[in-house]
């Protein structure tokens, strides 16, 4: 609709009880338009994004399902995309995913059959062309609003809009950025985005938020 949108990230609980998820989501009631449900953020185990989104949808929330490439090959990814659409989920954020070495199962075998760009292209192929990557046709194509993440604050800065353009070209219709602590750098990035006309081809949501712990502050400084 072109309205200003506020979203928030929601980490699924370490629980099989739906009430634990609903209690976490209740904090955001009336404050956000949609909730991003993370997919094993930081390569740590939690309730699945697909299950979390389905539960939120049933309770009247608007979920954004995050999907990473770390844990699934292209067969599982395409199956989960179809499953999400069949369950009524309409928003999909496509991510590469954090490496297993950062999480609570460092011995897990990473997959990374696809990356964020090829995952977007895979989802677009399912939605717009009604076929699997194998070429086999679908009886009914999913209808999804596809999204991507971007980091305007990672060098080389001049290459970031080019990376964004690549994601838009393969299907991204909304973009959520990493946290912004440098407004002048964001303004420079957005000027390049406007120069390329990218703001007319996708919606851009800038990430903002507090530092929630001393550990997070140290991590940001190191990285």
C-alpha atoms as a PDB file:
ATOM      1  CA  UNK A   1       0.000   0.000   0.000  1.00  0.00           C
ATOM      2  CA  UNK A   2       3.002   2.316   0.333  1.00  0.00           C
ATOM      3  CA  UNK A   3       2.301   2.964   4.017  1.00  0.00           C
ATOM      4  CA  UNK A   4       5.179   3.298   6.473  1.00  0.00           C
ATOM      5  CA  UNK A   5       5.763  -0.157   7.954  1.00  0.00           C
ATOM      6  CA  UNK A   6       7.215  -1.184  11.302  1.00  0.00           C
ATOM      7  CA  UNK A   7       8.401  -4.752  11.794  1.00  0.00           C
ATOM      8  CA  UNK A   8      10.242  -6.488  14.599  1.00  0.00           C
ATOM      9  CA  UNK A   9      12.286  -9.628  14.861  1.00  0.00           C
ATOM     10  CA  UNK A  10      10.923 -12.428  17.029  1.00  0.00           C
ATOM     11  CA  UNK A  11      13.179 -15.306  18.029  1.00  0.00           C
ATOM     12  CA  UNK A  12      11.133 -18.510  18.407  1.00  0.00           C
ATOM     13  CA  UNK A  13      11.390 -20.063  21.884  1.00  0.00           C
ATOM     14  CA  UNK A  14      13.207 -23.206  22.918  1.00  0.00           C
ATOM     15  CA  UNK A  15       9.875 -24.876  23.535  1.00  0.00           C
ATOM     16  CA  UNK A  16       7.276 -27.127  21.952  1.00  0.00           C
ATOM     17  CA  UNK A  17       4.491 -25.266  23.774  1.00  0.00           C
ATOM     18  CA  UNK A  18       2.729 -22.779  21.437  1.00  0.00           C
ATOM     19  CA  UNK A  19       1.838 -20.599  24.418  1.00  0.00           C
ATOM     20  CA  UNK A  20       5.494 -19.678  24.886  1.00  0.00           C
ATOM     21  CA  UNK A  21       5.581 -18.232  21.365  1.00  0.00           C
ATOM     22  CA  UNK A  22       2.287 -16.407  21.852  1.00  0.00           C
ATOM     23  CA  UNK A  23       3.548 -14.822  25.078  1.00  0.00           C
ATOM     24  CA  UNK A  24       6.669 -13.565  23.308  1.00  0.00           C
ATOM     25  CA  UNK A  25       4.591 -12.164  20.443  1.00  0.00           C
ATOM     26  CA  UNK A  26       2.113 -10.480  22.780  1.00  0.00           C
ATOM     27  CA  UNK A  27       4.773  -7.917  23.732  1.00  0.00           C
ATOM     28  CA  UNK A  28       4.498  -6.457  20.208  1.00  0.00           C
ATOM     29  CA  UNK A  29       0.696  -6.335  20.047  1.00  0.00           C
ATOM     30  CA  UNK A  30      -0.448  -3.074  18.471  1.00  0.00           C
ATOM     31  CA  UNK A  31       3.138  -1.861  17.983  1.00  0.00           C
ATOM     32  CA  UNK A  32       4.183  -3.541  14.718  1.00  0.00           C
ATOM     33  CA  UNK A  33       2.722  -4.410  11.336  1.00  0.00           C
ATOM     34  CA  UNK A  34       4.559  -7.731  11.034  1.00  0.00           C
ATOM     35  CA  UNK A  35       6.907 -10.020  12.945  1.00  0.00           C
ATOM     36  CA  UNK A  36      10.025 -11.605  11.459  1.00  0.00           C
ATOM     37  CA  UNK A  37      10.356 -15.165  12.734  1.00  0.00           C
ATOM     38  CA  UNK A  38      14.025 -16.120  12.654  1.00  0.00           C
ATOM     39  CA  UNK A  39      15.324 -19.382  11.189  1.00  0.00           C
ATOM     40  CA  UNK A  40      17.950 -20.721  13.572  1.00  0.00           C
ATOM     41  CA  UNK A  41      19.493 -17.274  14.078  1.00  0.00           C
ATOM     42  CA  UNK A  42      23.168 -17.409  14.962  1.00  0.00           C
ATOM     43  CA  UNK A  43      23.115 -21.093  13.949  1.00  0.00           C
ATOM     44  CA  UNK A  44      21.351 -21.912  17.228  1.00  0.00           C
ATOM     45  CA  UNK A  45      18.412 -24.314  17.577  1.00  0.00           C
ATOM     46  CA  UNK A  46      14.921 -22.939  18.236  1.00  0.00           C
ATOM     47  CA  UNK A  47      11.344 -23.710  17.235  1.00  0.00           C
ATOM     48  CA  UNK A  48      11.232 -23.676  13.416  1.00  0.00           C
ATOM     49  CA  UNK A  49      10.373 -20.499  11.534  1.00  0.00           C
ATOM     50  CA  UNK A  50       7.719 -22.349   9.518  1.00  0.00           C
ATOM     51  CA  UNK A  51       5.951 -23.576  12.656  1.00  0.00           C
ATOM     52  CA  UNK A  52       6.317 -20.218  14.380  1.00  0.00           C
ATOM     53  CA  UNK A  53       4.845 -18.329  11.426  1.00  0.00           C
ATOM     54  CA  UNK A  54       1.921 -20.741  11.192  1.00  0.00           C
ATOM     55  CA  UNK A  55       1.106 -20.302  14.892  1.00  0.00           C
ATOM     56  CA  UNK A  56       1.332 -16.504  14.639  1.00  0.00           C
ATOM     57  CA  UNK A  57      -0.866 -16.469  11.560  1.00  0.00           C
ATOM     58  CA  UNK A  58      -3.550 -18.449  13.379  1.00  0.00           C
ATOM     59  CA  UNK A  59      -3.479 -15.927  16.231  1.00  0.00           C
ATOM     60  CA  UNK A  60      -3.998 -12.965  13.897  1.00  0.00           C
ATOM     61  CA  UNK A  61      -0.398 -11.759  13.516  1.00  0.00           C
ATOM     62  CA  UNK A  62       1.270 -10.998  10.186  1.00  0.00           C
ATOM     63  CA  UNK A  63       4.423 -13.163  10.044  1.00  0.00           C
ATOM     64  CA  UNK A  64       7.489 -12.794   7.873  1.00  0.00           C
ATOM     65  CA  UNK A  65       9.070 -16.202   7.494  1.00  0.00           C
ATOM     66  CA  UNK A  66      12.858 -16.139   7.422  1.00  0.00           C
ATOM     67  CA  UNK A  67      14.549 -18.898   5.470  1.00  0.00           C
ATOM     68  CA  UNK A  68      18.268 -19.628   5.438  1.00  0.00           C
ATOM     69  CA  UNK A  69      20.345 -21.850   3.187  1.00  0.00           C
ATOM     70  CA  UNK A  70      22.533 -23.260   5.945  1.00  0.00           C
ATOM     71  CA  UNK A  71      20.450 -26.312   6.853  1.00  0.00           C
ATOM     72  CA  UNK A  72      18.601 -27.331   3.678  1.00  0.00           C
ATOM     73  CA  UNK A  73      19.374 -28.306   0.119  1.00  0.00           C
ATOM     74  CA  UNK A  74      17.291 -27.033  -2.782  1.00  0.00           C
ATOM     75  CA  UNK A  75      14.850 -29.950  -2.541  1.00  0.00           C
ATOM     76  CA  UNK A  76      13.969 -29.206   1.084  1.00  0.00           C
ATOM     77  CA  UNK A  77      13.928 -25.457   0.449  1.00  0.00           C
ATOM     78  CA  UNK A  78      11.411 -25.720  -2.381  1.00  0.00           C
ATOM     79  CA  UNK A  79       9.248 -28.091  -0.342  1.00  0.00           C
ATOM     80  CA  UNK A  80       9.220 -25.704   2.619  1.00  0.00           C
ATOM     81  CA  UNK A  81       8.349 -22.736   0.395  1.00  0.00           C
ATOM     82  CA  UNK A  82       5.349 -24.614  -0.998  1.00  0.00           C
ATOM     83  CA  UNK A  83       4.392 -25.741   2.508  1.00  0.00           C
ATOM     84  CA  UNK A  84       4.558 -22.195   3.852  1.00  0.00           C
ATOM     85  CA  UNK A  85       2.346 -20.879   1.049  1.00  0.00           C
ATOM     86  CA  UNK A  86      -0.135 -23.719   1.556  1.00  0.00           C
ATOM     87  CA  UNK A  87      -0.383 -22.791   5.240  1.00  0.00           C
ATOM     88  CA  UNK A  88      -1.205 -19.169   4.381  1.00  0.00           C
ATOM     89  CA  UNK A  89       2.180 -17.532   4.908  1.00  0.00           C
ATOM     90  CA  UNK A  90       2.677 -14.747   2.349  1.00  0.00           C
ATOM     91  CA  UNK A  91       5.979 -13.064   3.309  1.00  0.00           C
ATOM     92  CA  UNK A  92       9.378 -14.735   2.850  1.00  0.00           C
ATOM     93  CA  UNK A  93      12.758 -13.222   3.754  1.00  0.00           C
ATOM     94  CA  UNK A  94      15.582 -15.043   1.958  1.00  0.00           C
ATOM     95  CA  UNK A  95      18.935 -15.254   3.752  1.00  0.00           C
ATOM     96  CA  UNK A  96      22.192 -17.139   3.355  1.00  0.00           C
ATOM     97  CA  UNK A  97      22.421 -17.886   7.086  1.00  0.00           C
ATOM     98  CA  UNK A  98      25.116 -17.843   9.745  1.00  0.00           C
ATOM     99  CA  UNK A  99      27.873 -20.440   9.715  1.00  0.00           C
ATOM    100  CA  UNK A 100      27.516 -23.394  12.080  1.00  0.00           C
ATOM    101  CA  UNK A 101      30.761 -22.444  13.830  1.00  0.00           C
ATOM    102  CA  UNK A 102      28.943 -19.520  15.468  1.00  0.00           C
ATOM    103  CA  UNK A 103      26.157 -21.602  16.994  1.00  0.00           C
ATOM    104  CA  UNK A 104      25.441 -24.201  19.634  1.00  0.00           C
ATOM    105  CA  UNK A 105      26.070 -27.138  17.271  1.00  0.00           C
ATOM    106  CA  UNK A 106      29.481 -26.326  15.736  1.00  0.00           C
ATOM    107  CA  UNK A 107      29.869 -29.959  14.666  1.00  0.00           C
ATOM    108  CA  UNK A 108      26.774 -29.824  12.441  1.00  0.00           C
ATOM    109  CA  UNK A 109      27.245 -30.306   8.715  1.00  0.00           C
ATOM    110  CA  UNK A 110      26.435 -27.068   6.836  1.00  0.00           C
ATOM    111  CA  UNK A 111      24.588 -27.337   3.527  1.00  0.00           C
ATOM    112  CA  UNK A 112      24.633 -23.954   1.727  1.00  0.00           C
ATOM    113  CA  UNK A 113      23.410 -25.563  -1.486  1.00  0.00           C
ATOM    114  CA  UNK A 114      22.074 -22.079  -2.335  1.00  0.00           C
ATOM    115  CA  UNK A 115      22.888 -18.560  -1.161  1.00  0.00           C
ATOM    116  CA  UNK A 116      20.600 -15.574  -0.585  1.00  0.00           C
ATOM    117  CA  UNK A 117      20.556 -14.562  -4.258  1.00  0.00           C
ATOM    118  CA  UNK A 118      19.925 -18.049  -5.648  1.00  0.00           C
ATOM    119  CA  UNK A 119      17.340 -18.674  -2.908  1.00  0.00           C
ATOM    120  CA  UNK A 120      15.479 -15.554  -4.048  1.00  0.00           C
ATOM    121  CA  UNK A 121      15.672 -16.728  -7.632  1.00  0.00           C
ATOM    122  CA  UNK A 122      14.386 -20.164  -6.600  1.00  0.00           C
ATOM    123  CA  UNK A 123      11.397 -18.654  -4.788  1.00  0.00           C
ATOM    124  CA  UNK A 124      10.705 -16.331  -7.726  1.00  0.00           C
ATOM    125  CA  UNK A 125      10.803 -19.283 -10.119  1.00  0.00           C
ATOM    126  CA  UNK A 126       8.230 -21.118  -8.007  1.00  0.00           C
ATOM    127  CA  UNK A 127       5.982 -18.053  -7.737  1.00  0.00           C
ATOM    128  CA  UNK A 128       6.266 -16.400 -11.140  1.00  0.00           C
ATOM    129  CA  UNK A 129       6.987 -19.338 -13.425  1.00  0.00           C
ATOM    130  CA  UNK A 130       5.096 -22.042 -11.541  1.00  0.00           C
ATOM    131  CA  UNK A 131       7.891 -24.593 -11.754  1.00  0.00           C
ATOM    132  CA  UNK A 132      10.619 -26.218  -9.704  1.00  0.00           C
ATOM    133  CA  UNK A 133      14.286 -25.603 -10.469  1.00  0.00           C
ATOM    134  CA  UNK A 134      14.222 -29.001 -12.158  1.00  0.00           C
ATOM    135  CA  UNK A 135      11.730 -27.612 -14.673  1.00  0.00           C
ATOM    136  CA  UNK A 136       8.813 -29.711 -13.436  1.00  0.00           C
ATOM    137  CA  UNK A 137       5.573 -27.748 -13.419  1.00  0.00           C
ATOM    138  CA  UNK A 138       3.484 -26.943 -10.347  1.00  0.00           C
ATOM    139  CA  UNK A 139      -0.264 -27.472 -10.312  1.00  0.00           C
ATOM    140  CA  UNK A 140      -0.647 -24.277  -8.273  1.00  0.00           C
ATOM    141  CA  UNK A 141       2.111 -21.699  -7.747  1.00  0.00           C
ATOM    142  CA  UNK A 142       2.732 -20.058  -4.355  1.00  0.00           C
ATOM    143  CA  UNK A 143       1.937 -16.363  -3.926  1.00  0.00           C
ATOM    144  CA  UNK A 144       4.623 -14.747  -1.814  1.00  0.00           C
ATOM    145  CA  UNK A 145       6.090 -11.309  -1.191  1.00  0.00           C
ATOM    146  CA  UNK A 146       9.824 -11.973  -1.381  1.00  0.00           C
ATOM    147  CA  UNK A 147      12.348 -10.077   0.699  1.00  0.00           C
ATOM    148  CA  UNK A 148      16.085  -9.844   1.236  1.00  0.00           C
ATOM    149  CA  UNK A 149      18.492  -8.439   3.785  1.00  0.00           C
ATOM    150  CA  UNK A 150      21.165  -5.864   3.085  1.00  0.00           C
ATOM    151  CA  UNK A 151      23.984  -4.281   5.045  1.00  0.00           C
ATOM    152  CA  UNK A 152      24.703  -0.708   3.867  1.00  0.00           C
ATOM    153  CA  UNK A 153      27.434  -0.463   6.509  1.00  0.00           C
ATOM    154  CA  UNK A 154      29.756  -3.235   5.306  1.00  0.00           C
ATOM    155  CA  UNK A 155      32.706  -2.290   3.106  1.00  0.00           C
ATOM    156  CA  UNK A 156      33.202  -1.842   0.224  1.00  0.00           C
ATOM    157  CA  UNK A 157      30.379   0.683   0.666  1.00  0.00           C
ATOM    158  CA  UNK A 158      30.061   1.600  -2.996  1.00  0.00           C
ATOM    159  CA  UNK A 159      29.360  -2.050  -3.863  1.00  0.00           C
ATOM    160  CA  UNK A 160      26.347  -2.379  -1.550  1.00  0.00           C
ATOM    161  CA  UNK A 161      23.776  -0.818  -3.930  1.00  0.00           C
ATOM    162  CA  UNK A 162      25.054  -3.130  -6.684  1.00  0.00           C
ATOM    163  CA  UNK A 163      24.465  -6.115  -4.422  1.00  0.00           C
ATOM    164  CA  UNK A 164      20.982  -4.810  -3.675  1.00  0.00           C
ATOM    165  CA  UNK A 165      20.278  -4.420  -7.394  1.00  0.00           C
ATOM    166  CA  UNK A 166      21.218  -8.066  -7.930  1.00  0.00           C
ATOM    167  CA  UNK A 167      18.740  -9.183  -5.264  1.00  0.00           C
ATOM    168  CA  UNK A 168      15.988  -7.014  -6.715  1.00  0.00           C
ATOM    169  CA  UNK A 169      16.676  -8.414 -10.182  1.00  0.00           C
ATOM    170  CA  UNK A 170      15.991 -11.962  -8.965  1.00  0.00           C
ATOM    171  CA  UNK A 171      12.816 -11.168  -7.064  1.00  0.00           C
ATOM    172  CA  UNK A 172      13.272  -9.115  -3.870  1.00  0.00           C
ATOM    173  CA  UNK A 173      10.330  -6.760  -3.348  1.00  0.00           C
ATOM    174  CA  UNK A 174      11.241  -5.616   0.144  1.00  0.00           C
ATOM    175  CA  UNK A 175      14.574  -5.230   1.892  1.00  0.00           C
ATOM    176  CA  UNK A 176      15.376  -5.148   5.593  1.00  0.00           C
ATOM    177  CA  UNK A 177      18.763  -3.697   6.537  1.00  0.00           C
ATOM    178  CA  UNK A 178      21.060  -4.463   9.413  1.00  0.00           C
ATOM    179  CA  UNK A 179      21.004  -2.064  12.373  1.00  0.00           C
ATOM    180  CA  UNK A 180      21.861   1.515  11.402  1.00  0.00           C
ATOM    181  CA  UNK A 181      24.210   3.382  13.750  1.00  0.00           C
ATOM    182  CA  UNK A 182      25.686   5.621  11.029  1.00  0.00           C
ATOM    183  CA  UNK A 183      23.062   7.935   9.535  1.00  0.00           C
ATOM    184  CA  UNK A 184      25.460   9.820   7.176  1.00  0.00           C
ATOM    185  CA  UNK A 185      26.595   6.495   5.698  1.00  0.00           C
ATOM    186  CA  UNK A 186      22.963   5.422   5.313  1.00  0.00           C
ATOM    187  CA  UNK A 187      22.183   8.704   3.524  1.00  0.00           C
ATOM    188  CA  UNK A 188      25.076   8.072   1.140  1.00  0.00           C
ATOM    189  CA  UNK A 189      23.817   4.551   0.485  1.00  0.00           C
ATOM    190  CA  UNK A 190      20.252   5.731  -0.104  1.00  0.00           C
ATOM    191  CA  UNK A 191      21.448   8.409  -2.520  1.00  0.00           C
ATOM    192  CA  UNK A 192      23.077   5.685  -4.611  1.00  0.00           C
ATOM    193  CA  UNK A 193      19.916   3.593  -4.316  1.00  0.00           C
ATOM    194  CA  UNK A 194      17.838   6.507  -5.630  1.00  0.00           C
ATOM    195  CA  UNK A 195      20.345   7.279  -8.393  1.00  0.00           C
ATOM    196  CA  UNK A 196      19.853   3.716  -9.649  1.00  0.00           C
ATOM    197  CA  UNK A 197      16.059   3.885  -9.231  1.00  0.00           C
ATOM    198  CA  UNK A 198      16.115   0.897  -6.890  1.00  0.00           C
ATOM    199  CA  UNK A 199      13.754   2.562  -4.380  1.00  0.00           C
ATOM    200  CA  UNK A 200      11.050   2.417  -7.048  1.00  0.00           C
ATOM    201  CA  UNK A 201      11.456  -1.347  -7.448  1.00  0.00           C
ATOM    202  CA  UNK A 202      11.409  -2.462  -3.804  1.00  0.00           C
ATOM    203  CA  UNK A 203      10.472  -1.257  -0.320  1.00  0.00           C
ATOM    204  CA  UNK A 204      13.371  -0.573   2.054  1.00  0.00           C
ATOM    205  CA  UNK A 205      13.021  -0.997   5.816  1.00  0.00           C
ATOM    206  CA  UNK A 206      15.958   0.373   7.818  1.00  0.00           C
ATOM    207  CA  UNK A 207      16.958  -1.609  10.890  1.00  0.00           C
ATOM    208  CA  UNK A 208      17.034   0.301  14.189  1.00  0.00           C
ATOM    209  CA  UNK A 209      17.187  -0.842  17.778  1.00  0.00           C
ATOM    210  CA  UNK A 210      19.009  -0.781  21.101  1.00  0.00           C
ATOM    211  CA  UNK A 211      22.086  -2.654  22.169  1.00  0.00           C
ATOM    212  CA  UNK A 212      20.549  -5.289  24.406  1.00  0.00           C
ATOM    213  CA  UNK A 213      23.695  -6.363  26.246  1.00  0.00           C
ATOM    214  CA  UNK A 214      27.352  -5.624  26.843  1.00  0.00           C
ATOM    215  CA  UNK A 215      28.155  -8.797  24.883  1.00  0.00           C
ATOM    216  CA  UNK A 216      26.289  -7.416  21.853  1.00  0.00           C
ATOM    217  CA  UNK A 217      28.204  -4.146  22.097  1.00  0.00           C
ATOM    218  CA  UNK A 218      31.545  -5.957  22.193  1.00  0.00           C
ATOM    219  CA  UNK A 219      30.508  -8.120  19.221  1.00  0.00           C
ATOM    220  CA  UNK A 220      29.569  -5.079  17.150  1.00  0.00           C
ATOM    221  CA  UNK A 221      32.820  -3.337  17.973  1.00  0.00           C
ATOM    222  CA  UNK A 222      34.895  -6.390  17.033  1.00  0.00           C
ATOM    223  CA  UNK A 223      33.003  -6.957  13.810  1.00  0.00           C
END
